[in-house]
Amino acid sequence: MPDFFYIKDDIETEVKIKKSQFITHLSYADDFQKARDYISNISKIHKTATHNCWAYIIGKKGETFHSSDNGEPSGTAGKPMLGALQKHGLTNIVAVVTRYFGGTKLGVRGLIEAYAEAVETAVTGAVLYPLVEFRQFSLRTDYNYYEKLKYTLTEKGVEITSTDFEKSIKLILQIEESSADEVYHFLVSLQDAGRITGLANEN
């Protein structure tokens, strides 16, 4: 199973808790600036809201993350939002929760639960895609061996992303990182046996 997931489509959900309105926006962001731009845009749209709290996670392994309570008591908004995203293994994602105060104070525990619930509701309604790393290789083979090679590669779960039929056949292969070393050693053995030539890492 992949360790991390991402979303492709923007998500907007709303929950009401003790008369306060919590609107959650989720969006894909694979760098710091995209996340900050999205936060700024949502905050402008909801500039009359009581709070626009946010959290983002960036990186192939979710290694960069930050959050803000935006005026709520310290630790009651950004951190629970971040926790809800991390719970689902999400990365390259930005979340903004807009709160319109409904007149009833929630208290510290109530705020923590409310912001976590707001993000959890949005994530539950989103389609999560596995974040899978790939490695690419190029190689050449002759026409006599092409069909057998193609069959063998397919059996090993290798995707052939490009095929150029010239004097010899040039293939571009895409392999999941988890099995790339094993497939590479197999390809090296084919090259040593003279079945393929020009094996190269394209990453």
N, C-alpha and C. Protein backbone atom coordinates (compact mmCIF):
# COMPACT_ATOMS: atom_id res chain seq x y z
N MET A 1 0.84 -1.19 0.00
CA MET A 1 0.00 0.00 0.00
C MET A 1 0.88 1.25 0.00
N PRO A 2 0.50 2.28 -0.78
CA PRO A 2 1.27 3.53 -0.76
C PRO A 2 1.16 4.21 0.59
N ASP A 3 2.20 4.97 0.94
CA ASP A 3 2.20 5.67 2.23
C ASP A 3 1.44 6.98 2.18
N PHE A 4 1.36 7.60 0.99
CA PHE A 4 0.77 8.92 0.88
C PHE A 4 -0.24 8.99 -0.26
N PHE A 5 -1.15 9.95 -0.11
CA PHE A 5 -2.22 10.15 -1.08
C PHE A 5 -2.35 11.64 -1.38
N TYR A 6 -3.00 11.95 -2.51
CA TYR A 6 -3.25 13.34 -2.87
C TYR A 6 -4.64 13.46 -3.50
N ILE A 7 -5.12 14.67 -3.64
CA ILE A 7 -6.40 14.92 -4.31
C ILE A 7 -6.14 15.66 -5.61
N LYS A 8 -7.02 15.47 -6.57
CA LYS A 8 -6.90 16.18 -7.85
C LYS A 8 -7.88 17.33 -7.95
N ASP A 9 -9.06 17.15 -7.38
CA ASP A 9 -10.12 18.14 -7.52
C ASP A 9 -10.29 18.95 -6.25
N ASP A 10 -10.61 20.23 -6.41
CA ASP A 10 -10.91 21.08 -5.26
C ASP A 10 -12.17 20.58 -4.56
N ILE A 11 -12.16 20.67 -3.26
CA ILE A 11 -13.29 20.21 -2.44
C ILE A 11 -13.80 21.37 -1.59
N GLU A 12 -15.11 21.49 -1.47
CA GLU A 12 -15.72 22.46 -0.55
C GLU A 12 -16.85 21.77 0.21
N THR A 13 -16.80 21.82 1.52
CA THR A 13 -17.86 21.26 2.36
C THR A 13 -18.19 22.24 3.47
N GLU A 14 -19.32 22.00 4.11
CA GLU A 14 -19.75 22.89 5.19
C GLU A 14 -20.39 22.08 6.32
N VAL A 15 -20.05 22.44 7.54
CA VAL A 15 -20.70 21.85 8.71
C VAL A 15 -21.10 22.99 9.64
N LYS A 16 -22.18 22.79 10.39
CA LYS A 16 -22.60 23.77 11.39
C LYS A 16 -22.49 23.13 12.76
N ILE A 17 -21.81 23.80 13.65
CA ILE A 17 -21.60 23.29 15.00
C ILE A 17 -21.95 24.41 15.98
N LYS A 18 -22.99 24.18 16.76
CA LYS A 18 -23.48 25.16 17.73
C LYS A 18 -23.61 26.55 17.10
N LYS A 19 -24.27 26.57 15.97
CA LYS A 19 -24.62 27.77 15.22
C LYS A 19 -23.46 28.41 14.46
N SER A 20 -22.23 27.96 14.71
CA SER A 20 -21.11 28.46 13.91
C SER A 20 -21.03 27.69 12.60
N GLN A 21 -20.72 28.40 11.54
CA GLN A 21 -20.60 27.81 10.21
C GLN A 21 -19.12 27.58 9.91
N PHE A 22 -18.77 26.33 9.57
CA PHE A 22 -17.39 25.98 9.22
C PHE A 22 -17.37 25.53 7.76
N ILE A 23 -16.71 26.31 6.92
CA ILE A 23 -16.60 25.98 5.50
C ILE A 23 -15.17 25.52 5.22
N THR A 24 -15.02 24.31 4.70
CA THR A 24 -13.70 23.76 4.43
C THR A 24 -13.43 23.73 2.93
N HIS A 25 -12.26 24.23 2.55
CA HIS A 25 -11.79 24.15 1.17
C HIS A 25 -10.50 23.33 1.16
N LEU A 26 -10.43 22.36 0.27
CA LEU A 26 -9.22 21.57 0.06
C LEU A 26 -8.77 21.75 -1.38
N SER A 27 -7.45 21.81 -1.59
CA SER A 27 -6.94 21.92 -2.95
C SER A 27 -5.56 21.28 -3.05
N TYR A 28 -5.20 20.86 -4.26
CA TYR A 28 -3.88 20.31 -4.51
C TYR A 28 -2.86 21.43 -4.54
N ALA A 29 -1.74 21.24 -3.85
CA ALA A 29 -0.64 22.22 -3.87
C ALA A 29 0.66 21.47 -3.65
N ASP A 30 1.54 21.51 -4.65
CA ASP A 30 2.79 20.77 -4.54
C ASP A 30 4.00 21.66 -4.27
N ASP A 31 3.73 22.93 -3.95
CA ASP A 31 4.82 23.78 -3.47
C ASP A 31 4.26 24.86 -2.55
N PHE A 32 5.17 25.49 -1.81
CA PHE A 32 4.82 26.46 -0.79
C PHE A 32 4.01 27.62 -1.36
N GLN A 33 4.43 28.14 -2.52
CA GLN A 33 3.77 29.31 -3.07
C GLN A 33 2.34 29.01 -3.49
N LYS A 34 2.10 27.85 -4.08
CA LYS A 34 0.74 27.48 -4.47
C LYS A 34 -0.16 27.41 -3.23
N ALA A 35 0.36 26.85 -2.16
CA ALA A 35 -0.42 26.75 -0.93
C ALA A 35 -0.76 28.14 -0.39
N ARG A 36 0.25 29.03 -0.34
CA ARG A 36 0.02 30.37 0.19
C ARG A 36 -0.94 31.17 -0.69
N ASP A 37 -0.82 31.00 -2.01
CA ASP A 37 -1.73 31.70 -2.93
C ASP A 37 -3.17 31.25 -2.72
N TYR A 38 -3.34 29.94 -2.51
CA TYR A 38 -4.69 29.41 -2.30
C TYR A 38 -5.27 29.93 -0.99
N ILE A 39 -4.46 29.93 0.05
CA ILE A 39 -4.91 30.45 1.35
C ILE A 39 -5.33 31.91 1.22
N SER A 40 -4.51 32.68 0.51
CA SER A 40 -4.81 34.11 0.31
C SER A 40 -6.10 34.31 -0.46
N ASN A 41 -6.32 33.48 -1.49
CA ASN A 41 -7.52 33.61 -2.31
C ASN A 41 -8.78 33.29 -1.52
N ILE A 42 -8.76 32.20 -0.76
CA ILE A 42 -9.94 31.84 0.04
C ILE A 42 -10.20 32.89 1.11
N SER A 43 -9.13 33.41 1.71
CA SER A 43 -9.27 34.42 2.75
C SER A 43 -9.89 35.71 2.18
N LYS A 44 -9.57 36.04 0.94
CA LYS A 44 -10.16 37.22 0.30
C LYS A 44 -11.64 37.00 0.01
N ILE A 45 -11.96 35.78 -0.46
CA ILE A 45 -13.37 35.46 -0.74
C ILE A 45 -14.20 35.56 0.53
N HIS A 46 -13.62 35.11 1.64
CA HIS A 46 -14.33 35.12 2.93
C HIS A 46 -13.71 36.15 3.88
N LYS A 47 -13.51 37.36 3.36
CA LYS A 47 -12.82 38.38 4.16
C LYS A 47 -13.66 38.87 5.33
N THR A 48 -14.97 38.61 5.32
CA THR A 48 -15.82 39.04 6.44
C THR A 48 -15.98 37.93 7.48
N ALA A 49 -15.35 36.80 7.26
CA ALA A 49 -15.47 35.68 8.21
C ALA A 49 -14.75 36.02 9.52
N THR A 50 -15.13 35.29 10.56
CA THR A 50 -14.48 35.48 11.85
C THR A 50 -13.04 35.00 11.81
N HIS A 51 -12.81 33.85 11.16
CA HIS A 51 -11.47 33.28 11.04
C HIS A 51 -11.33 32.53 9.71
N ASN A 52 -10.13 32.56 9.16
CA ASN A 52 -9.76 31.71 8.03
C ASN A 52 -8.49 30.96 8.45
N CYS A 53 -8.69 29.78 9.03
CA CYS A 53 -7.57 28.98 9.54
C CYS A 53 -7.09 28.03 8.44
N TRP A 54 -5.82 27.64 8.51
CA TRP A 54 -5.30 26.84 7.40
C TRP A 54 -4.20 25.89 7.83
N ALA A 55 -3.98 24.92 6.94
CA ALA A 55 -2.90 23.95 7.12
C ALA A 55 -2.51 23.42 5.75
N TYR A 56 -1.24 23.13 5.58
CA TYR A 56 -0.81 22.50 4.33
C TYR A 56 0.28 21.48 4.60
N ILE A 57 0.37 20.51 3.69
CA ILE A 57 1.41 19.48 3.73
C ILE A 57 1.97 19.35 2.33
N ILE A 58 3.28 19.38 2.19
CA ILE A 58 3.92 19.34 0.88
C ILE A 58 5.10 18.36 0.91
N GLY A 59 5.31 17.66 -0.19
CA GLY A 59 6.46 16.78 -0.31
C GLY A 59 6.07 15.34 -0.57
N LYS A 60 6.97 14.61 -1.22
CA LYS A 60 6.70 13.22 -1.55
C LYS A 60 6.44 12.36 -0.32
N LYS A 61 7.01 12.77 0.80
CA LYS A 61 6.82 12.04 2.05
C LYS A 61 6.17 12.92 3.11
N GLY A 62 5.49 13.98 2.67
CA GLY A 62 4.81 14.87 3.60
C GLY A 62 5.75 15.56 4.56
N GLU A 63 6.96 15.86 4.08
CA GLU A 63 8.00 16.36 4.99
C GLU A 63 7.89 17.84 5.33
N THR A 64 7.12 18.60 4.56
CA THR A 64 6.96 20.03 4.82
C THR A 64 5.51 20.32 5.18
N PHE A 65 5.29 20.89 6.35
CA PHE A 65 3.92 21.19 6.76
C PHE A 65 3.90 22.40 7.69
N HIS A 66 2.77 23.08 7.69
CA HIS A 66 2.61 24.26 8.53
C HIS A 66 1.12 24.51 8.72
N SER A 67 0.78 25.25 9.76
CA SER A 67 -0.63 25.54 10.01
C SER A 67 -0.76 26.85 10.77
N SER A 68 -1.96 27.40 10.77
CA SER A 68 -2.22 28.66 11.46
C SER A 68 -3.60 28.65 12.10
N ASP A 69 -3.67 29.19 13.31
CA ASP A 69 -4.96 29.32 14.02
C ASP A 69 -5.70 30.59 13.62
N ASN A 70 -5.00 31.51 12.95
CA ASN A 70 -5.61 32.74 12.45
C ASN A 70 -6.51 33.42 13.48
N GLY A 71 -6.00 33.56 14.69
CA GLY A 71 -6.75 34.30 15.72
C GLY A 71 -7.54 33.45 16.69
N GLU A 72 -7.76 32.18 16.36
CA GLU A 72 -8.37 31.28 17.33
C GLU A 72 -7.35 31.00 18.44
N PRO A 73 -7.80 30.55 19.62
CA PRO A 73 -6.84 30.21 20.68
C PRO A 73 -5.77 29.25 20.18
N SER A 74 -4.55 29.45 20.63
CA SER A 74 -3.40 28.67 20.15
C SER A 74 -3.64 27.17 20.22
N GLY A 75 -3.40 26.51 19.09
CA GLY A 75 -3.52 25.05 19.03
C GLY A 75 -4.91 24.50 18.84
N THR A 76 -5.91 25.37 18.65
CA THR A 76 -7.29 24.89 18.57
C THR A 76 -7.80 24.73 17.14
N ALA A 77 -7.06 25.21 16.14
CA ALA A 77 -7.56 25.16 14.76
C ALA A 77 -6.54 24.53 13.80
N GLY A 78 -5.39 25.19 13.63
CA GLY A 78 -4.41 24.71 12.66
C GLY A 78 -3.92 23.31 12.93
N LYS A 79 -3.55 23.03 14.18
CA LYS A 79 -3.02 21.70 14.50
C LYS A 79 -4.05 20.59 14.31
N PRO A 80 -5.29 20.75 14.79
CA PRO A 80 -6.27 19.69 14.52
C PRO A 80 -6.58 19.53 13.03
N MET A 81 -6.54 20.61 12.28
CA MET A 81 -6.72 20.51 10.83
C MET A 81 -5.59 19.69 10.22
N LEU A 82 -4.36 20.03 10.61
CA LEU A 82 -3.18 19.31 10.12
C LEU A 82 -3.25 17.84 10.50
N GLY A 83 -3.67 17.57 11.72
CA GLY A 83 -3.79 16.19 12.19
C GLY A 83 -4.78 15.38 11.37
N ALA A 84 -5.89 16.02 10.97
CA ALA A 84 -6.90 15.33 10.17
C ALA A 84 -6.35 14.98 8.79
N LEU A 85 -5.53 15.87 8.21
CA LEU A 85 -4.92 15.58 6.92
C LEU A 85 -3.90 14.45 7.04
N GLN A 86 -3.07 14.52 8.08
CA GLN A 86 -2.03 13.50 8.27
C GLN A 86 -2.63 12.14 8.59
N LYS A 87 -3.75 12.13 9.26
CA LYS A 87 -4.43 10.87 9.59
C LYS A 87 -4.73 10.06 8.35
N HIS A 88 -5.03 10.74 7.25
CA HIS A 88 -5.37 10.07 5.99
C HIS A 88 -4.15 9.95 5.06
N GLY A 89 -2.97 10.29 5.55
CA GLY A 89 -1.77 10.16 4.74
C GLY A 89 -1.73 11.11 3.56
N LEU A 90 -2.33 12.27 3.71
CA LEU A 90 -2.39 13.21 2.59
C LEU A 90 -1.13 14.06 2.51
N THR A 91 -0.74 14.39 1.29
CA THR A 91 0.36 15.31 1.05
C THR A 91 0.05 16.12 -0.20
N ASN A 92 0.87 17.15 -0.45
CA ASN A 92 0.60 18.08 -1.55
C ASN A 92 -0.83 18.58 -1.49
N ILE A 93 -1.20 19.07 -0.31
CA ILE A 93 -2.57 19.49 -0.08
C ILE A 93 -2.59 20.73 0.81
N VAL A 94 -3.55 21.59 0.56
CA VAL A 94 -3.77 22.76 1.41
C VAL A 94 -5.23 22.77 1.83
N ALA A 95 -5.47 23.09 3.09
CA ALA A 95 -6.83 23.15 3.64
C ALA A 95 -7.04 24.51 4.29
N VAL A 96 -8.19 25.09 4.00
CA VAL A 96 -8.60 26.34 4.66
C VAL A 96 -9.98 26.12 5.26
N VAL A 97 -10.11 26.39 6.54
CA VAL A 97 -11.42 26.31 7.18
C VAL A 97 -11.84 27.71 7.58
N THR A 98 -12.94 28.15 7.00
CA THR A 98 -13.51 29.47 7.28
C THR A 98 -14.58 29.33 8.33
N ARG A 99 -14.50 30.13 9.36
CA ARG A 99 -15.52 30.08 10.43
C ARG A 99 -16.28 31.39 10.50
N TYR A 100 -17.59 31.25 10.46
CA TYR A 100 -18.48 32.37 10.74
C TYR A 100 -19.10 32.11 12.11
N PHE A 101 -18.76 32.95 13.07
CA PHE A 101 -19.19 32.74 14.46
C PHE A 101 -20.70 32.86 14.58
N GLY A 102 -21.27 31.87 15.28
CA GLY A 102 -22.72 31.82 15.40
C GLY A 102 -23.26 32.33 16.71
N GLY A 103 -22.38 32.85 17.59
CA GLY A 103 -22.86 33.43 18.84
C GLY A 103 -22.65 32.56 20.07
N THR A 104 -22.28 31.30 19.86
CA THR A 104 -22.05 30.38 20.98
C THR A 104 -20.57 29.99 21.01
N LYS A 105 -19.92 30.28 22.14
CA LYS A 105 -18.51 29.91 22.27
C LYS A 105 -18.37 28.40 22.43
N LEU A 106 -17.36 27.84 21.79
CA LEU A 106 -17.19 26.39 21.80
C LEU A 106 -16.20 25.91 22.86
N GLY A 107 -15.37 26.81 23.34
CA GLY A 107 -14.33 26.39 24.28
C GLY A 107 -13.17 25.73 23.55
N VAL A 108 -12.07 25.53 24.26
CA VAL A 108 -10.88 24.97 23.65
C VAL A 108 -11.14 23.59 23.06
N ARG A 109 -11.68 22.69 23.84
CA ARG A 109 -11.95 21.33 23.36
C ARG A 109 -12.94 21.35 22.21
N GLY A 110 -13.96 22.17 22.32
CA GLY A 110 -14.96 22.25 21.27
C GLY A 110 -14.39 22.76 19.96
N LEU A 111 -13.48 23.73 20.04
CA LEU A 111 -12.85 24.25 18.83
C LEU A 111 -11.97 23.19 18.17
N ILE A 112 -11.18 22.49 18.97
CA ILE A 112 -10.31 21.44 18.43
C ILE A 112 -11.14 20.39 17.70
N GLU A 113 -12.21 19.97 18.32
CA GLU A 113 -13.07 18.95 17.71
C GLU A 113 -13.77 19.49 16.46
N ALA A 114 -14.19 20.76 16.51
CA ALA A 114 -14.91 21.35 15.38
C ALA A 114 -14.02 21.48 14.14
N TYR A 115 -12.81 21.97 14.31
CA TYR A 115 -11.92 22.13 13.16
C TYR A 115 -11.47 20.79 12.60
N ALA A 116 -11.25 19.83 13.49
CA ALA A 116 -10.90 18.49 13.02
C ALA A 116 -12.06 17.87 12.25
N GLU A 117 -13.28 18.05 12.77
CA GLU A 117 -14.47 17.50 12.10
C GLU A 117 -14.69 18.16 10.74
N ALA A 118 -14.45 19.45 10.66
CA ALA A 118 -14.64 20.16 9.39
C ALA A 118 -13.74 19.60 8.30
N VAL A 119 -12.46 19.37 8.63
CA VAL A 119 -11.54 18.82 7.65
C VAL A 119 -11.84 17.36 7.37
N GLU A 120 -12.17 16.61 8.41
CA GLU A 120 -12.50 15.19 8.24
C GLU A 120 -13.68 15.02 7.30
N THR A 121 -14.68 15.88 7.41
CA THR A 121 -15.85 15.82 6.54
C THR A 121 -15.45 16.05 5.08
N ALA A 122 -14.56 17.02 4.87
CA ALA A 122 -14.11 17.31 3.50
C ALA A 122 -13.29 16.16 2.93
N VAL A 123 -12.38 15.62 3.72
CA VAL A 123 -11.53 14.52 3.24
C VAL A 123 -12.37 13.29 2.93
N THR A 124 -13.35 13.02 3.77
CA THR A 124 -14.23 11.85 3.56
C THR A 124 -14.97 11.94 2.23
N GLY A 125 -15.25 13.16 1.80
CA GLY A 125 -15.98 13.34 0.53
C GLY A 125 -15.07 13.47 -0.68
N ALA A 126 -13.77 13.37 -0.48
CA ALA A 126 -12.82 13.54 -1.58
C ALA A 126 -12.36 12.19 -2.13
N VAL A 127 -11.95 12.18 -3.39
CA VAL A 127 -11.33 11.01 -3.99
C VAL A 127 -9.83 11.12 -3.73
N LEU A 128 -9.26 10.12 -3.07
CA LEU A 128 -7.84 10.13 -2.74
C LEU A 128 -7.08 9.24 -3.72
N TYR A 129 -6.02 9.78 -4.27
CA TYR A 129 -5.21 9.05 -5.24
C TYR A 129 -3.86 8.68 -4.61
N PRO A 130 -3.40 7.46 -4.80
CA PRO A 130 -2.11 7.07 -4.23
C PRO A 130 -0.96 7.82 -4.88
N LEU A 131 -0.04 8.29 -4.06
CA LEU A 131 1.15 8.96 -4.58
C LEU A 131 2.21 7.90 -4.81
N VAL A 132 2.43 7.57 -6.07
CA VAL A 132 3.36 6.51 -6.44
C VAL A 132 4.52 7.12 -7.22
N GLU A 133 5.74 6.82 -6.81
CA GLU A 133 6.92 7.29 -7.53
C GLU A 133 7.30 6.28 -8.61
N PHE A 134 7.74 6.81 -9.75
CA PHE A 134 8.13 5.96 -10.87
C PHE A 134 9.57 6.25 -11.28
N ARG A 135 10.18 5.25 -11.90
CA ARG A 135 11.48 5.43 -12.53
C ARG A 135 11.32 5.08 -14.01
N GLN A 136 12.03 5.80 -14.86
CA GLN A 136 11.94 5.56 -16.30
C GLN A 136 13.27 5.07 -16.85
N PHE A 137 13.16 4.10 -17.76
CA PHE A 137 14.34 3.59 -18.45
C PHE A 137 14.08 3.60 -19.95
N SER A 138 15.14 3.77 -20.72
CA SER A 138 15.05 3.62 -22.17
C SER A 138 15.96 2.48 -22.60
N LEU A 139 15.61 1.84 -23.70
CA LEU A 139 16.43 0.75 -24.23
C LEU A 139 16.06 0.52 -25.69
N ARG A 140 16.87 -0.28 -26.36
CA ARG A 140 16.57 -0.68 -27.72
C ARG A 140 16.61 -2.19 -27.84
N THR A 141 15.79 -2.71 -28.72
CA THR A 141 15.80 -4.14 -29.01
C THR A 141 15.53 -4.34 -30.49
N ASP A 142 15.77 -5.56 -30.99
CA ASP A 142 15.51 -5.80 -32.41
C ASP A 142 14.09 -6.34 -32.60
N TYR A 143 13.68 -6.39 -33.85
CA TYR A 143 12.30 -6.77 -34.17
C TYR A 143 12.02 -8.23 -33.80
N ASN A 144 13.02 -9.08 -33.88
CA ASN A 144 12.81 -10.50 -33.57
C ASN A 144 12.49 -10.74 -32.09
N TYR A 145 13.01 -9.89 -31.24
CA TYR A 145 12.83 -10.11 -29.79
C TYR A 145 11.75 -9.22 -29.19
N TYR A 146 11.25 -8.28 -29.96
CA TYR A 146 10.33 -7.26 -29.44
C TYR A 146 9.08 -7.85 -28.77
N GLU A 147 8.38 -8.77 -29.44
CA GLU A 147 7.12 -9.29 -28.88
C GLU A 147 7.36 -10.05 -27.58
N LYS A 148 8.42 -10.84 -27.53
CA LYS A 148 8.72 -11.57 -26.31
C LYS A 148 9.08 -10.62 -25.18
N LEU A 149 9.86 -9.59 -25.50
CA LEU A 149 10.24 -8.60 -24.50
C LEU A 149 9.02 -7.87 -23.97
N LYS A 150 8.15 -7.47 -24.87
CA LYS A 150 6.93 -6.75 -24.47
C LYS A 150 6.08 -7.60 -23.53
N TYR A 151 5.94 -8.89 -23.87
CA TYR A 151 5.16 -9.80 -23.03
C TYR A 151 5.78 -9.93 -21.64
N THR A 152 7.11 -10.11 -21.60
CA THR A 152 7.81 -10.30 -20.33
C THR A 152 7.70 -9.06 -19.45
N LEU A 153 7.85 -7.89 -20.05
CA LEU A 153 7.75 -6.65 -19.30
C LEU A 153 6.35 -6.44 -18.73
N THR A 154 5.34 -6.76 -19.53
CA THR A 154 3.96 -6.65 -19.06
C THR A 154 3.71 -7.57 -17.87
N GLU A 155 4.25 -8.78 -17.94
CA GLU A 155 4.13 -9.73 -16.83
C GLU A 155 4.77 -9.20 -15.56
N LYS A 156 5.78 -8.38 -15.70
CA LYS A 156 6.48 -7.81 -14.54
C LYS A 156 5.86 -6.49 -14.08
N GLY A 157 4.76 -6.10 -14.70
CA GLY A 157 4.07 -4.88 -14.29
C GLY A 157 4.70 -3.60 -14.80
N VAL A 158 5.50 -3.71 -15.86
CA VAL A 158 6.18 -2.56 -16.44
C VAL A 158 5.29 -1.93 -17.51
N GLU A 159 5.16 -0.61 -17.48
CA GLU A 159 4.38 0.10 -18.50
C GLU A 159 5.32 0.63 -19.58
N ILE A 160 5.01 0.32 -20.83
CA ILE A 160 5.77 0.85 -21.96
C ILE A 160 5.07 2.14 -22.39
N THR A 161 5.71 3.27 -22.13
CA THR A 161 5.07 4.56 -22.39
C THR A 161 5.36 5.11 -23.78
N SER A 162 6.41 4.58 -24.45
CA SER A 162 6.74 5.06 -25.79
C SER A 162 7.44 3.96 -26.57
N THR A 163 7.08 3.83 -27.85
CA THR A 163 7.72 2.84 -28.72
C THR A 163 8.02 3.50 -30.07
N ASP A 164 9.29 3.54 -30.43
CA ASP A 164 9.70 4.11 -31.72
C ASP A 164 10.28 3.01 -32.60
N PHE A 165 9.63 2.77 -33.74
CA PHE A 165 10.06 1.72 -34.66
C PHE A 165 11.01 2.31 -35.69
N GLU A 166 12.29 2.08 -35.46
CA GLU A 166 13.32 2.57 -36.37
C GLU A 166 14.09 1.35 -36.89
N LYS A 167 15.40 1.49 -37.12
CA LYS A 167 16.18 0.32 -37.50
C LYS A 167 16.14 -0.73 -36.40
N SER A 168 16.17 -0.25 -35.17
CA SER A 168 15.86 -1.07 -34.00
C SER A 168 14.70 -0.39 -33.29
N ILE A 169 14.14 -1.04 -32.31
CA ILE A 169 12.96 -0.49 -31.63
C ILE A 169 13.39 0.13 -30.30
N LYS A 170 13.07 1.41 -30.13
CA LYS A 170 13.38 2.10 -28.89
C LYS A 170 12.15 2.12 -27.99
N LEU A 171 12.33 1.69 -26.74
CA LEU A 171 11.25 1.65 -25.77
C LEU A 171 11.56 2.58 -24.60
N ILE A 172 10.54 3.26 -24.11
CA ILE A 172 10.62 3.98 -22.85
C ILE A 172 9.73 3.25 -21.85
N LEU A 173 10.30 2.88 -20.73
CA LEU A 173 9.58 2.09 -19.73
C LEU A 173 9.33 2.92 -18.48
N GLN A 174 8.19 2.70 -17.86
CA GLN A 174 7.87 3.34 -16.59
C GLN A 174 7.62 2.26 -15.55
N ILE A 175 8.36 2.33 -14.44
CA ILE A 175 8.33 1.27 -13.44
C ILE A 175 8.12 1.88 -12.06
N GLU A 176 7.23 1.30 -11.28
CA GLU A 176 7.03 1.78 -9.91
C GLU A 176 8.34 1.64 -9.13
N GLU A 177 8.65 2.66 -8.36
CA GLU A 177 9.91 2.70 -7.63
C GLU A 177 10.13 1.45 -6.77
N SER A 178 9.05 0.92 -6.22
CA SER A 178 9.17 -0.23 -5.33
C SER A 178 9.76 -1.46 -6.01
N SER A 179 9.58 -1.57 -7.34
CA SER A 179 10.09 -2.74 -8.06
C SER A 179 11.15 -2.37 -9.09
N ALA A 180 11.58 -1.10 -9.10
CA ALA A 180 12.48 -0.62 -10.14
C ALA A 180 13.84 -1.31 -10.11
N ASP A 181 14.39 -1.53 -8.92
CA ASP A 181 15.72 -2.16 -8.84
C ASP A 181 15.69 -3.58 -9.39
N GLU A 182 14.64 -4.30 -9.04
CA GLU A 182 14.52 -5.69 -9.51
C GLU A 182 14.43 -5.74 -11.04
N VAL A 183 13.59 -4.86 -11.61
CA VAL A 183 13.43 -4.84 -13.06
C VAL A 183 14.73 -4.38 -13.74
N TYR A 184 15.40 -3.41 -13.13
CA TYR A 184 16.65 -2.92 -13.71
C TYR A 184 17.69 -4.04 -13.81
N HIS A 185 17.82 -4.84 -12.77
CA HIS A 185 18.78 -5.94 -12.79
C HIS A 185 18.41 -6.97 -13.87
N PHE A 186 17.11 -7.16 -14.06
CA PHE A 186 16.64 -8.05 -15.13
C PHE A 186 17.04 -7.49 -16.50
N LEU A 187 16.86 -6.18 -16.67
CA LEU A 187 17.21 -5.55 -17.95
C LEU A 187 18.72 -5.61 -18.20
N VAL A 188 19.50 -5.45 -17.13
CA VAL A 188 20.96 -5.56 -17.27
C VAL A 188 21.34 -6.95 -17.76
N SER A 189 20.65 -7.98 -17.23
CA SER A 189 20.95 -9.35 -17.67
C SER A 189 20.60 -9.55 -19.14
N LEU A 190 19.52 -8.90 -19.61
CA LEU A 190 19.16 -8.98 -21.03
C LEU A 190 20.21 -8.27 -21.89
N GLN A 191 20.70 -7.14 -21.38
CA GLN A 191 21.72 -6.41 -22.14
C GLN A 191 23.01 -7.23 -22.20
N ASP A 192 23.38 -7.86 -21.10
CA ASP A 192 24.58 -8.71 -21.08
C ASP A 192 24.45 -9.88 -22.05
N ALA A 193 23.20 -10.34 -22.23
CA ALA A 193 22.95 -11.47 -23.14
C ALA A 193 22.79 -11.02 -24.59
N GLY A 194 22.82 -9.72 -24.82
CA GLY A 194 22.71 -9.20 -26.17
C GLY A 194 21.30 -9.05 -26.67
N ARG A 195 20.31 -9.19 -25.79
CA ARG A 195 18.91 -9.08 -26.20
C ARG A 195 18.47 -7.62 -26.35
N ILE A 196 19.03 -6.74 -25.55
CA ILE A 196 18.72 -5.31 -25.64
C ILE A 196 20.03 -4.53 -25.64
N THR A 197 19.95 -3.26 -26.04
CA THR A 197 21.11 -2.38 -26.02
C THR A 197 20.69 -1.00 -25.52
N GLY A 198 21.68 -0.20 -25.16
CA GLY A 198 21.42 1.21 -24.83
C GLY A 198 20.59 1.43 -23.59
N LEU A 199 20.64 0.52 -22.62
CA LEU A 199 19.85 0.67 -21.40
C LEU A 199 20.31 1.92 -20.65
N ALA A 200 19.34 2.83 -20.35
CA ALA A 200 19.67 4.08 -19.67
C ALA A 200 18.55 4.51 -18.75
N ASN A 201 18.93 5.14 -17.65
CA ASN A 201 17.97 5.71 -16.70
C ASN A 201 17.56 7.08 -17.22
N GLU A 202 16.26 7.30 -17.37
CA GLU A 202 15.76 8.55 -17.95
C GLU A 202 15.36 9.58 -16.89
N ASN A 203 15.42 9.24 -15.60
CA ASN A 203 15.00 10.17 -14.55
C ASN A 203 16.05 11.27 -14.36
